[in-house]
C-alpha atoms as a PDB file:
ATOM      1  CA  MET A   1     -44.116 -76.631   2.887  1.00  0.00           C
ATOM      2  CA  ALA A   2     -45.981 -73.748   1.566  1.00  0.00           C
ATOM      3  CA  TRP A   3     -46.006 -70.110   2.474  1.00  0.00           C
ATOM      4  CA  SER A   4     -49.763 -68.832   3.801  1.00  0.00           C
ATOM      5  CA  LEU A   5     -50.046 -65.227   1.514  1.00  0.00           C
ATOM      6  CA  PRO A   6     -50.526 -63.091   4.967  1.00  0.00           C
ATOM      7  CA  LEU A   7     -46.697 -64.699   5.837  1.00  0.00           C
ATOM      8  CA  LYS A   8     -45.302 -64.019   2.565  1.00  0.00           C
ATOM      9  CA  LYS A   9     -46.335 -60.047   2.506  1.00  0.00           C
ATOM     10  CA  TRP A  10     -45.099 -59.840   6.122  1.00  0.00           C
ATOM     11  CA  ILE A  11     -41.771 -60.994   4.708  1.00  0.00           C
ATOM     12  CA  LEU A  12     -41.749 -58.621   2.046  1.00  0.00           C
ATOM     13  CA  VAL A  13     -42.615 -55.735   4.387  1.00  0.00           C
ATOM     14  CA  VAL A  14     -39.263 -56.484   6.946  1.00  0.00           C
ATOM     15  CA  LEU A  15     -37.301 -57.052   3.789  1.00  0.00           C
ATOM     16  CA  THR A  16     -38.485 -53.428   2.788  1.00  0.00           C
ATOM     17  CA  LEU A  17     -37.657 -51.964   5.922  1.00  0.00           C
ATOM     18  CA  LEU A  18     -34.330 -53.143   6.337  1.00  0.00           C
ATOM     19  CA  LEU A  19     -33.384 -52.051   2.802  1.00  0.00           C
ATOM     20  CA  ALA A  20     -34.346 -48.614   3.646  1.00  0.00           C
ATOM     21  CA  GLY A  21     -32.275 -48.605   6.808  1.00  0.00           C
ATOM     22  CA  CYS A  22     -29.208 -49.220   5.014  1.00  0.00           C
ATOM     23  CA  ALA A  23     -29.597 -46.504   2.050  1.00  0.00           C
ATOM     24  CA  PRO A  24     -26.988 -44.099   3.099  1.00  0.00           C
ATOM     25  CA  THR A  25     -27.956 -40.659   4.065  1.00  0.00           C
ATOM     26  CA  LEU A  26     -27.445 -37.719   1.320  1.00  0.00           C
ATOM     27  CA  PRO A  27     -26.889 -34.426   2.613  1.00  0.00           C
ATOM     28  CA  PRO A  28     -28.914 -31.710   0.759  1.00  0.00           C
ATOM     29  CA  ALA A  29     -27.269 -30.156  -2.420  1.00  0.00           C
ATOM     30  CA  THR A  30     -25.028 -27.113  -1.960  1.00  0.00           C
ATOM     31  CA  GLN A  31     -23.838 -24.500  -4.454  1.00  0.00           C
ATOM     32  CA  THR A  32     -20.406 -22.980  -4.592  1.00  0.00           C
ATOM     33  CA  PRO A  33     -20.582 -19.756  -3.635  1.00  0.00           C
ATOM     34  CA  VAL A  34     -19.499 -17.165  -6.919  1.00  0.00           C
ATOM     35  CA  PRO A  35     -17.101 -14.145  -5.694  1.00  0.00           C
ATOM     36  CA  THR A  36     -18.632 -10.850  -5.734  1.00  0.00           C
ATOM     37  CA  PRO A  37     -16.308  -8.678  -8.269  1.00  0.00           C
ATOM     38  CA  VAL A  38     -14.279  -6.227  -6.656  1.00  0.00           C
ATOM     39  CA  ALA A  39     -13.226  -3.521  -7.905  1.00  0.00           C
ATOM     40  CA  PRO A  40      -9.092  -3.013  -7.917  1.00  0.00           C
ATOM     41  CA  THR A  41      -7.507  -1.051  -5.294  1.00  0.00           C
ATOM     42  CA  ALA A  42      -4.389   1.203  -5.713  1.00  0.00           C
ATOM     43  CA  THR A  43      -2.422  -1.692  -4.953  1.00  0.00           C
ATOM     44  CA  GLN A  44      -4.504  -3.844  -7.331  1.00  0.00           C
ATOM     45  CA  ALA A  45      -4.186  -1.828 -10.104  1.00  0.00           C
ATOM     46  CA  GLU A  46      -2.019  -2.226 -12.958  1.00  0.00           C
ATOM     47  CA  PRO A  47       1.455  -0.876 -12.528  1.00  0.00           C
ATOM     48  CA  ALA A  48       2.494   2.378 -14.205  1.00  0.00           C
ATOM     49  CA  GLU A  49       4.423   2.907 -17.672  1.00  0.00           C
ATOM     50  CA  PRO A  50       7.862   3.256 -16.577  1.00  0.00           C
ATOM     51  CA  ALA A  51       9.305   6.997 -17.088  1.00  0.00           C
ATOM     52  CA  GLU A  52      11.040   5.418 -19.873  1.00  0.00           C
ATOM     53  CA  ALA A  53       7.827   5.044 -21.954  1.00  0.00           C
ATOM     54  CA  ALA A  54       7.551   8.909 -21.766  1.00  0.00           C
ATOM     55  CA  LEU A  55      10.750   9.646 -24.278  1.00  0.00           C
ATOM     56  CA  PRO A  56       9.826  11.196 -27.190  1.00  0.00           C
ATOM     57  CA  ALA A  57      11.334   9.875 -30.524  1.00  0.00           C
ATOM     58  CA  PRO A  58      14.118  12.286 -31.364  1.00  0.00           C
ATOM     59  CA  GLU A  59      12.667  13.817 -34.341  1.00  0.00           C
ATOM     60  CA  MET A  60       9.920  14.724 -31.663  1.00  0.00           C
ATOM     61  CA  THR A  61      12.675  17.052 -29.910  1.00  0.00           C
ATOM     62  CA  LEU A  62      13.489  18.901 -32.834  1.00  0.00           C
ATOM     63  CA  PRO A  63      12.909  22.702 -32.639  1.00  0.00           C
ATOM     64  CA  ALA A  64       9.649  23.167 -35.011  1.00  0.00           C
ATOM     65  CA  ALA A  65      10.124  26.015 -37.649  1.00  0.00           C
ATOM     66  CA  GLY A  66       9.665  29.751 -35.950  1.00  0.00           C
ATOM     67  CA  ALA A  67      10.606  28.252 -32.237  1.00  0.00           C
ATOM     68  CA  VAL A  68      13.504  30.536 -32.635  1.00  0.00           C
ATOM     69  CA  PRO A  69      12.621  34.073 -33.679  1.00  0.00           C
ATOM     70  CA  GLY A  70      14.610  34.693 -37.391  1.00  0.00           C
ATOM     71  CA  TRP A  71      15.347  30.814 -37.968  1.00  0.00           C
ATOM     72  CA  SER A  72      12.996  28.563 -40.540  1.00  0.00           C
ATOM     73  CA  GLN A  73      13.656  24.953 -41.012  1.00  0.00           C
ATOM     74  CA  THR A  74      14.966  23.890 -44.574  1.00  0.00           C
ATOM     75  CA  GLU A  75      15.435  19.946 -43.869  1.00  0.00           C
ATOM     76  CA  THR A  76      15.303  16.784 -41.553  1.00  0.00           C
ATOM     77  CA  GLN A  77      16.283  13.438 -41.848  1.00  0.00           C
ATOM     78  CA  VAL A  78      16.183  10.593 -39.463  1.00  0.00           C
ATOM     79  CA  TYR A  79      18.552   7.626 -39.391  1.00  0.00           C
ATOM     80  CA  ASP A  80      18.552   4.285 -38.182  1.00  0.00           C
ATOM     81  CA  PRO A  81      21.275   1.483 -38.047  1.00  0.00           C
ATOM     82  CA  ASP A  82      20.599   0.624 -41.566  1.00  0.00           C
ATOM     83  CA  THR A  83      20.760   4.361 -42.757  1.00  0.00           C
ATOM     84  CA  LEU A  84      23.432   5.800 -40.485  1.00  0.00           C
ATOM     85  CA  PHE A  85      26.148   5.511 -42.671  1.00  0.00           C
ATOM     86  CA  ASP A  86      24.215   7.411 -45.425  1.00  0.00           C
ATOM     87  CA  PHE A  87      24.779  10.695 -43.215  1.00  0.00           C
ATOM     88  CA  MET A  88      28.434   9.823 -41.872  1.00  0.00           C
ATOM     89  CA  ASN A  89      29.907   7.406 -44.232  1.00  0.00           C
ATOM     90  CA  GLY A  90      32.877   5.728 -42.393  1.00  0.00           C
ATOM     91  CA  ALA A  91      32.189   6.734 -38.593  1.00  0.00           C
ATOM     92  CA  ALA A  92      29.164   5.111 -38.109  1.00  0.00           C
ATOM     93  CA  ASP A  93      30.776   2.040 -36.931  1.00  0.00           C
ATOM     94  CA  LEU A  94      32.016   4.078 -33.956  1.00  0.00           C
ATOM     95  CA  TYR A  95      28.566   5.001 -33.073  1.00  0.00           C
ATOM     96  CA  PHE A  96      27.329   1.798 -33.074  1.00  0.00           C
ATOM     97  CA  THR A  97      29.824   0.844 -30.258  1.00  0.00           C
ATOM     98  CA  TYR A  98      27.815   3.206 -27.879  1.00  0.00           C
ATOM     99  CA  GLY A  99      24.658   1.336 -28.383  1.00  0.00           C
ATOM    100  CA  PHE A 100      23.268   3.479 -31.361  1.00  0.00           C
ATOM    101  CA  GLU A 101      19.382   3.355 -32.063  1.00  0.00           C
ATOM    102  CA  SER A 102      18.457   6.262 -33.721  1.00  0.00           C
ATOM    103  CA  LEU A 103      19.418   9.427 -34.877  1.00  0.00           C
ATOM    104  CA  ALA A 104      17.317  12.876 -36.001  1.00  0.00           C
ATOM    105  CA  VAL A 105      18.624  16.019 -38.096  1.00  0.00           C
ATOM    106  CA  ARG A 106      17.405  19.244 -38.509  1.00  0.00           C
ATOM    107  CA  LYS A 107      19.095  21.891 -40.792  1.00  0.00           C
ATOM    108  CA  TYR A 108      18.025  25.806 -40.246  1.00  0.00           C
ATOM    109  CA  GLU A 109      18.705  28.746 -41.834  1.00  0.00           C
ATOM    110  CA  ASP A 110      18.393  32.207 -41.413  1.00  0.00           C
ATOM    111  CA  ALA A 111      17.765  35.606 -43.317  1.00  0.00           C
ATOM    112  CA  ASP A 112      21.324  36.136 -43.525  1.00  0.00           C
ATOM    113  CA  GLU A 113      22.072  32.392 -44.802  1.00  0.00           C
ATOM    114  CA  LYS A 114      23.666  31.214 -42.142  1.00  0.00           C
ATOM    115  CA  ARG A 115      22.865  27.722 -41.119  1.00  0.00           C
ATOM    116  CA  LEU A 116      22.748  25.636 -38.451  1.00  0.00           C
ATOM    117  CA  ARG A 117      22.047  21.670 -37.607  1.00  0.00           C
ATOM    118  CA  VAL A 118      20.438  19.654 -34.733  1.00  0.00           C
ATOM    119  CA  GLU A 119      21.939  16.325 -34.084  1.00  0.00           C
ATOM    120  CA  VAL A 120      20.024  14.456 -31.393  1.00  0.00           C
ATOM    121  CA  TYR A 121      21.226  10.636 -30.655  1.00  0.00           C
ATOM    122  CA  ARG A 122      18.980   7.901 -29.280  1.00  0.00           C
ATOM    123  CA  THR A 123      21.399   5.321 -27.459  1.00  0.00           C
ATOM    124  CA  ALA A 124      20.543   1.300 -25.944  1.00  0.00           C
ATOM    125  CA  THR A 125      21.581   2.928 -22.234  1.00  0.00           C
ATOM    126  CA  TYR A 126      22.101   5.894 -20.033  1.00  0.00           C
ATOM    127  CA  ALA A 127      25.911   5.165 -20.463  1.00  0.00           C
ATOM    128  CA  ASP A 128      26.259   4.976 -24.154  1.00  0.00           C
ATOM    129  CA  ALA A 129      24.406   8.670 -24.375  1.00  0.00           C
ATOM    130  CA  PHE A 130      27.171   9.456 -21.727  1.00  0.00           C
ATOM    131  CA  GLY A 131      29.978   7.944 -23.760  1.00  0.00           C
ATOM    132  CA  LEU A 132      28.475   9.795 -27.184  1.00  0.00           C
ATOM    133  CA  PHE A 133      28.839  12.625 -25.538  1.00  0.00           C
ATOM    134  CA  THR A 134      32.411  12.275 -24.034  1.00  0.00           C
ATOM    135  CA  TYR A 135      33.644  11.686 -27.640  1.00  0.00           C
ATOM    136  CA  ASN A 136      32.206  14.515 -28.941  1.00  0.00           C
ATOM    137  CA  SER A 137      32.179  16.888 -26.023  1.00  0.00           C
ATOM    138  CA  PHE A 138      34.155  20.291 -26.819  1.00  0.00           C
ATOM    139  CA  GLY A 139      34.311  24.102 -25.279  1.00  0.00           C
ATOM    140  CA  GLU A 140      33.510  25.207 -21.678  1.00  0.00           C
ATOM    141  CA  PRO A 141      30.986  24.163 -19.061  1.00  0.00           C
ATOM    142  CA  LEU A 142      27.136  25.274 -19.426  1.00  0.00           C
ATOM    143  CA  ASP A 143      24.480  24.781 -17.568  1.00  0.00           C
ATOM    144  CA  LEU A 144      22.168  22.886 -19.946  1.00  0.00           C
ATOM    145  CA  GLY A 145      21.026  19.106 -19.634  1.00  0.00           C
ATOM    146  CA  LEU A 146      23.644  17.009 -18.064  1.00  0.00           C
ATOM    147  CA  ASP A 147      27.251  18.304 -18.666  1.00  0.00           C
ATOM    148  CA  GLY A 148      26.474  20.624 -21.106  1.00  0.00           C
ATOM    149  CA  ARG A 149      29.168  22.375 -23.114  1.00  0.00           C
ATOM    150  CA  TRP A 150      29.978  24.775 -25.792  1.00  0.00           C
ATOM    151  CA  ALA A 151      32.303  26.709 -27.836  1.00  0.00           C
ATOM    152  CA  SER A 152      31.757  30.146 -28.444  1.00  0.00           C
ATOM    153  CA  GLY A 153      30.254  30.735 -32.244  1.00  0.00           C
ATOM    154  CA  THR A 154      30.884  26.956 -33.269  1.00  0.00           C
ATOM    155  CA  GLY A 155      28.318  24.565 -31.402  1.00  0.00           C
ATOM    156  CA  MET A 156      26.664  23.298 -27.894  1.00  0.00           C
ATOM    157  CA  ALA A 157      26.538  19.500 -26.727  1.00  0.00           C
ATOM    158  CA  PHE A 158      24.918  17.879 -23.818  1.00  0.00           C
ATOM    159  CA  TRP A 159      23.322  14.580 -22.873  1.00  0.00           C
ATOM    160  CA  GLY A 160      20.254  13.489 -20.574  1.00  0.00           C
ATOM    161  CA  HIS A 161      18.176  10.130 -20.412  1.00  0.00           C
ATOM    162  CA  ARG A 162      19.216   7.823 -23.243  1.00  0.00           C
ATOM    163  CA  THR A 163      19.826  11.020 -25.849  1.00  0.00           C
ATOM    164  CA  PHE A 164      23.095  13.268 -26.842  1.00  0.00           C
ATOM    165  CA  VAL A 165      22.355  16.467 -28.180  1.00  0.00           C
ATOM    166  CA  GLN A 166      24.269  18.761 -30.157  1.00  0.00           C
ATOM    167  CA  VAL A 167      23.974  21.823 -31.840  1.00  0.00           C
ATOM    168  CA  ILE A 168      26.742  22.753 -34.662  1.00  0.00           C
ATOM    169  CA  ALA A 169      26.785  26.086 -36.045  1.00  0.00           C
ATOM    170  CA  PRO A 170      30.066  27.858 -37.175  1.00  0.00           C
ATOM    171  CA  GLN A 171      30.005  31.753 -36.729  1.00  0.00           C
ATOM    172  CA  VAL A 172      26.541  31.930 -35.294  1.00  0.00           C
ATOM    173  CA  ASP A 173      25.834  34.011 -32.574  1.00  0.00           C
ATOM    174  CA  ASP A 174      25.767  32.160 -29.162  1.00  0.00           C
ATOM    175  CA  GLU A 175      22.225  33.449 -28.515  1.00  0.00           C
ATOM    176  CA  ALA A 176      20.653  31.267 -31.161  1.00  0.00           C
ATOM    177  CA  LEU A 177      22.906  28.386 -30.098  1.00  0.00           C
ATOM    178  CA  ARG A 178      21.461  28.605 -26.769  1.00  0.00           C
ATOM    179  CA  ALA A 179      17.855  29.081 -27.714  1.00  0.00           C
ATOM    180  CA  PHE A 180      18.125  25.744 -30.086  1.00  0.00           C
ATOM    181  CA  ALA A 181      19.992  23.985 -27.292  1.00  0.00           C
ATOM    182  CA  GLU A 182      17.314  24.574 -24.544  1.00  0.00           C
ATOM    183  CA  ALA A 183      14.312  24.183 -27.040  1.00  0.00           C
ATOM    184  CA  VAL A 184      15.692  20.535 -27.574  1.00  0.00           C
ATOM    185  CA  ALA A 185      16.671  20.069 -23.708  1.00  0.00           C
ATOM    186  CA  SER A 186      13.072  21.558 -23.012  1.00  0.00           C
ATOM    187  CA  ALA A 187      11.530  18.676 -24.774  1.00  0.00           C
ATOM    188  CA  LEU A 188      13.409  15.715 -23.184  1.00  0.00           C
ATOM    189  CA  PRO A 189      12.499  14.342 -19.693  1.00  0.00           C
ATOM    190  CA  ALA A 190      15.333  15.103 -16.605  1.00  0.00           C
ATOM    191  CA  GLY A 191      17.315  11.810 -15.355  1.00  0.00           C
ATOM    192  CA  GLY A 192      20.311   9.817 -16.753  1.00  0.00           C
ATOM    193  CA  GLU A 193      23.087   8.340 -14.559  1.00  0.00           C
ATOM    194  CA  ARG A 194      26.744   8.205 -15.350  1.00  0.00           C
ATOM    195  CA  PRO A 195      28.640   4.854 -15.228  1.00  0.00           C
ATOM    196  CA  ALA A 196      30.297   3.922 -11.730  1.00  0.00           C
ATOM    197  CA  VAL A 197      33.644   3.581 -13.255  1.00  0.00           C
ATOM    198  CA  VAL A 198      33.535   7.253 -14.270  1.00  0.00           C
ATOM    199  CA  ASP A 199      32.467   8.542 -10.820  1.00  0.00           C
ATOM    200  CA  ALA A 200      35.416   6.523  -9.018  1.00  0.00           C
ATOM    201  CA  LEU A 201      37.981   8.813 -11.244  1.00  0.00           C
ATOM    202  CA  PRO A 202      39.323  11.338  -8.451  1.00  0.00           C
ATOM    203  CA  VAL A 203      38.826  14.839  -8.783  1.00  0.00           C
ATOM    204  CA  GLU A 204      41.843  16.237  -7.397  1.00  0.00           C
ATOM    205  CA  GLY A 205      43.966  17.237 -10.891  1.00  0.00           C
ATOM    206  CA  LEU A 206      41.268  15.984 -13.060  1.00  0.00           C
ATOM    207  CA  LYS A 207      41.477  17.805 -16.368  1.00  0.00           C
ATOM    208  CA  PRO A 208      37.934  19.448 -16.989  1.00  0.00           C
ATOM    209  CA  GLY A 209      36.419  17.989 -20.694  1.00  0.00           C
ATOM    210  CA  SER A 210      38.919  14.986 -20.584  1.00  0.00           C
ATOM    211  CA  VAL A 211      37.017  12.612 -19.108  1.00  0.00           C
ATOM    212  CA  ARG A 212      36.048   9.560 -22.169  1.00  0.00           C
ATOM    213  CA  PHE A 213      33.553   6.856 -21.709  1.00  0.00           C
ATOM    214  CA  PHE A 214      34.267   3.832 -23.944  1.00  0.00           C
ATOM    215  CA  ARG A 215      33.286   0.121 -24.761  1.00  0.00           C
ATOM    216  CA  GLU A 216      35.393  -0.902 -27.314  1.00  0.00           C
ATOM    217  CA  GLN A 217      38.646  -1.019 -28.876  1.00  0.00           C
ATOM    218  CA  MET A 218      37.879   1.375 -31.889  1.00  0.00           C
ATOM    219  CA  ALA A 219      36.316   4.348 -29.229  1.00  0.00           C
ATOM    220  CA  LEU A 220      39.282   4.016 -26.797  1.00  0.00           C
ATOM    221  CA  GLU A 221      42.090   4.034 -29.978  1.00  0.00           C
ATOM    222  CA  ASN A 222      41.273   7.627 -30.847  1.00  0.00           C
ATOM    223  CA  PHE A 223      42.658   8.702 -27.353  1.00  0.00           C
ATOM    224  CA  LEU A 224      45.005   6.080 -26.357  1.00  0.00           C
ATOM    225  CA  TRP A 225      46.713   3.373 -28.954  1.00  0.00           C
ATOM    226  CA  LEU A 226      47.721   0.817 -27.026  1.00  0.00           C
ATOM    227  CA  GLY A 227      48.596  -0.795 -30.373  1.00  0.00           C
ATOM    228  CA  PRO A 228      46.716  -2.405 -33.294  1.00  0.00           C
ATOM    229  CA  ASP A 229      45.973  -5.122 -31.044  1.00  0.00           C
ATOM    230  CA  ASP A 230      42.880  -5.276 -28.760  1.00  0.00           C
ATOM    231  CA  VAL A 231      45.203  -6.548 -25.976  1.00  0.00           C
ATOM    232  CA  LEU A 232      42.420  -5.242 -22.939  1.00  0.00           C
ATOM    233  CA  GLY A 233      39.788  -7.586 -24.474  1.00  0.00           C
ATOM    234  CA  LEU A 234      37.087  -4.863 -24.760  1.00  0.00           C
ATOM    235  CA  GLY A 235      33.685  -5.296 -25.898  1.00  0.00           C
ATOM    236  CA  PRO A 236      29.797  -4.038 -25.683  1.00  0.00           C
ATOM    237  CA  ASP A 237      29.364  -5.815 -21.728  1.00  0.00           C
ATOM    238  CA  VAL A 238      32.551  -3.636 -20.566  1.00  0.00           C
ATOM    239  CA  GLU A 239      32.799   0.048 -19.345  1.00  0.00           C
ATOM    240  CA  GLY A 240      35.722   1.689 -19.724  1.00  0.00           C
ATOM    241  CA  VAL A 241      36.976   5.395 -18.637  1.00  0.00           C
ATOM    242  CA  LEU A 242      40.221   7.617 -19.817  1.00  0.00           C
ATOM    243  CA  ALA A 243      40.725  10.609 -17.971  1.00  0.00           C
ATOM    244  CA  GLU A 244      43.559  13.361 -17.772  1.00  0.00           C
ATOM    245  CA  TYR A 245      45.598  14.847 -15.163  1.00  0.00           C
ATOM    246  CA  ASP A 246      47.926  17.075 -13.985  1.00  0.00           C
ATOM    247  CA  LEU A 247      49.769  16.040 -10.938  1.00  0.00           C
ATOM    248  CA  ASP A 248      51.973  18.998  -9.942  1.00  0.00           C
ATOM    249  CA  GLY A 249      52.936  19.453 -13.042  1.00  0.00           C
ATOM    250  CA  GLN A 250      53.128  16.057 -14.270  1.00  0.00           C
ATOM    251  CA  ALA A 251      50.735  15.255 -17.278  1.00  0.00           C
ATOM    252  CA  ALA A 252      49.304  11.460 -16.622  1.00  0.00           C
ATOM    253  CA  SER A 253      46.292   9.844 -17.916  1.00  0.00           C
ATOM    254  CA  LEU A 254      44.453   7.438 -15.857  1.00  0.00           C
ATOM    255  CA  LEU A 255      42.375   3.982 -17.395  1.00  0.00           C
ATOM    256  CA  LEU A 256      39.973   2.289 -15.498  1.00  0.00           C
ATOM    257  CA  VAL A 257      37.892  -0.807 -16.730  1.00  0.00           C
ATOM    258  CA  ALA A 258      35.014  -2.486 -15.450  1.00  0.00           C
ATOM    259  CA  PHE A 259      35.065  -6.521 -16.925  1.00  0.00           C
ATOM    260  CA  PRO A 260      31.897  -8.782 -16.298  1.00  0.00           C
ATOM    261  CA  ASP A 261      34.448 -11.228 -14.338  1.00  0.00           C
ATOM    262  CA  ASP A 262      37.582 -11.385 -12.341  1.00  0.00           C
ATOM    263  CA  GLN A 263      39.381 -13.614 -14.989  1.00  0.00           C
ATOM    264  CA  ARG A 264      39.142 -11.066 -17.466  1.00  0.00           C
ATOM    265  CA  THR A 265      40.354  -8.391 -15.660  1.00  0.00           C
ATOM    266  CA  GLN A 266      43.484 -10.365 -14.716  1.00  0.00           C
ATOM    267  CA  ASP A 267      44.161 -11.505 -18.503  1.00  0.00           C
ATOM    268  CA  ALA A 268      43.467  -7.768 -19.411  1.00  0.00           C
ATOM    269  CA  ARG A 269      46.074  -6.478 -16.725  1.00  0.00           C
ATOM    270  CA  SER A 270      48.624  -9.389 -18.205  1.00  0.00           C
ATOM    271  CA  GLY A 271      47.949  -8.148 -22.330  1.00  0.00           C
ATOM    272  CA  LEU A 272      48.621  -4.813 -21.426  1.00  0.00           C
ATOM    273  CA  GLU A 273      52.151  -5.394 -19.405  1.00  0.00           C
ATOM    274  CA  ILE A 274      53.239  -7.339 -22.181  1.00  0.00           C
ATOM    275  CA  ALA A 275      52.498  -5.390 -24.680  1.00  0.00           C
ATOM    276  CA  GLY A 276      54.827  -2.767 -24.481  1.00  0.00           C
ATOM    277  CA  VAL A 277      53.055   0.285 -24.594  1.00  0.00           C
ATOM    278  CA  ASP A 278      54.632   3.315 -24.182  1.00  0.00           C
ATOM    279  CA  ASP A 279      54.294   5.730 -21.242  1.00  0.00           C
ATOM    280  CA  LEU A 280      53.313   2.516 -19.115  1.00  0.00           C
ATOM    281  CA  VAL A 281      53.886   3.788 -15.264  1.00  0.00           C
ATOM    282  CA  ALA A 282      52.057   1.351 -13.110  1.00  0.00           C
ATOM    283  CA  THR A 283      48.787  -1.100 -13.281  1.00  0.00           C
ATOM    284  CA  MET A 284      46.079  -2.371 -10.611  1.00  0.00           C
ATOM    285  CA  ALA A 285      43.576  -5.057 -10.840  1.00  0.00           C
ATOM    286  CA  GLN A 286      41.263  -5.873  -8.228  1.00  0.00           C
ATOM    287  CA  GLY A 287      38.149  -7.710  -8.430  1.00  0.00           C
ATOM    288  CA  GLU A 288      36.435  -6.903 -11.981  1.00  0.00           C
ATOM    289  CA  ILE A 289      38.389  -3.369 -12.012  1.00  0.00           C
ATOM    290  CA  LEU A 290      41.409  -2.885 -14.189  1.00  0.00           C
ATOM    291  CA  GLY A 291      43.237   0.413 -13.510  1.00  0.00           C
ATOM    292  CA  ALA A 292      46.365   2.077 -15.814  1.00  0.00           C
ATOM    293  CA  VAL A 293      48.369   5.171 -15.551  1.00  0.00           C
ATOM    294  CA  PHE A 294      50.502   6.801 -18.630  1.00  0.00           C
ATOM    295  CA  GLY A 295      52.750   9.704 -18.573  1.00  0.00           C
ATOM    296  CA  GLN A 296      55.969  10.528 -17.789  1.00  0.00           C
ATOM    297  CA  LEU A 297      55.569  10.794 -13.955  1.00  0.00           C
ATOM    298  CA  ALA A 298      56.965   8.983 -11.317  1.00  0.00           C
ATOM    299  CA  GLN A 299      56.081   5.313 -10.367  1.00  0.00           C
ATOM    300  CA  GLU A 300      55.176   6.461  -6.727  1.00  0.00           C
ATOM    301  CA  SER A 301      52.749   9.307  -7.822  1.00  0.00           C
ATOM    302  CA  ALA A 302      51.372   6.764 -10.604  1.00  0.00           C
ATOM    303  CA  SER A 303      50.465   4.314  -7.787  1.00  0.00           C
ATOM    304  CA  ALA A 304      48.628   6.900  -5.303  1.00  0.00           C
ATOM    305  CA  LEU A 305      46.288   8.215  -8.059  1.00  0.00           C
ATOM    306  CA  LEU A 306      45.529   4.366  -8.573  1.00  0.00           C
ATOM    307  CA  ASP A 307      44.983   3.694  -5.040  1.00  0.00           C
ATOM    308  CA  ARG A 308      42.890   7.046  -4.976  1.00  0.00           C
ATOM    309  CA  ALA A 309      40.708   5.494  -7.577  1.00  0.00           C
ATOM    310  CA  PHE A 310      40.711   1.945  -6.511  1.00  0.00           C
ATOM    311  CA  ALA A 311      39.276   3.339  -2.940  1.00  0.00           C
ATOM    312  CA  ALA A 312      36.056   4.592  -4.795  1.00  0.00           C
ATOM    313  CA  PHE A 313      34.957   0.929  -5.391  1.00  0.00           C
ATOM    314  CA  ASP A 314      35.372  -0.384  -1.621  1.00  0.00           C
END
């Protein structure tokens, strides 16, 4: 049966209304808020550069011409690991065991043609700078830098931060020596920390100026001969110290070595005890620390010295 035209229009209207009611309702358009830039606060600011960045290059600490009245500079040289042999042929290898990085040397002369040399060494760590100082230290205590020492008419030495300094001048008056040493010290930042193994040395009976810090066999054997082989298994990851003592008139040497792990400590103790080293009196191993006493003193006295040293690690 045919639909009448009005009825068709009515059906179309109904369908249109139904479809409109089924369409989803869309929320109004939104925008993602853009954060407003905020000026950095003190806690948000970039961290300040570490104090280490302020450490001047060795050549920048050398006294300039005229810094010490009556003295003029004659020559300046800077050395790195590739050229250090040019300055100390045959001895450079030992300085490499102390983390050597660079050296600046400047020579001076006065009107009487007396000569003086300033050497400023830069090392990898505080411990290495301290080690170079102990290897080269000489003379009497001096209030200059850290652990300053001087030998009248010969030279002065001190260390600080990652820097070892020595002023060498045979037959030069002490006033000039001191002036040059103080000029270098004033150009260096204060600071420096001795290795923990050094701080463990008992003070009672310790001979002044006898402390020697080392990492490898090459440095140790200049002060204590343990034979041609490296019986301790030393290396750049080791911190060791050797010091001389006077215990009630008996001379003794105390060796303390900090290894990176317990096994190397035990291996070092075994190697030392079977090496047949002369004057070895007593050994002790505890964790990562090895101790040994050499000399002609009684076993009881040697053991007591070791006990005092190891108490510092507790």
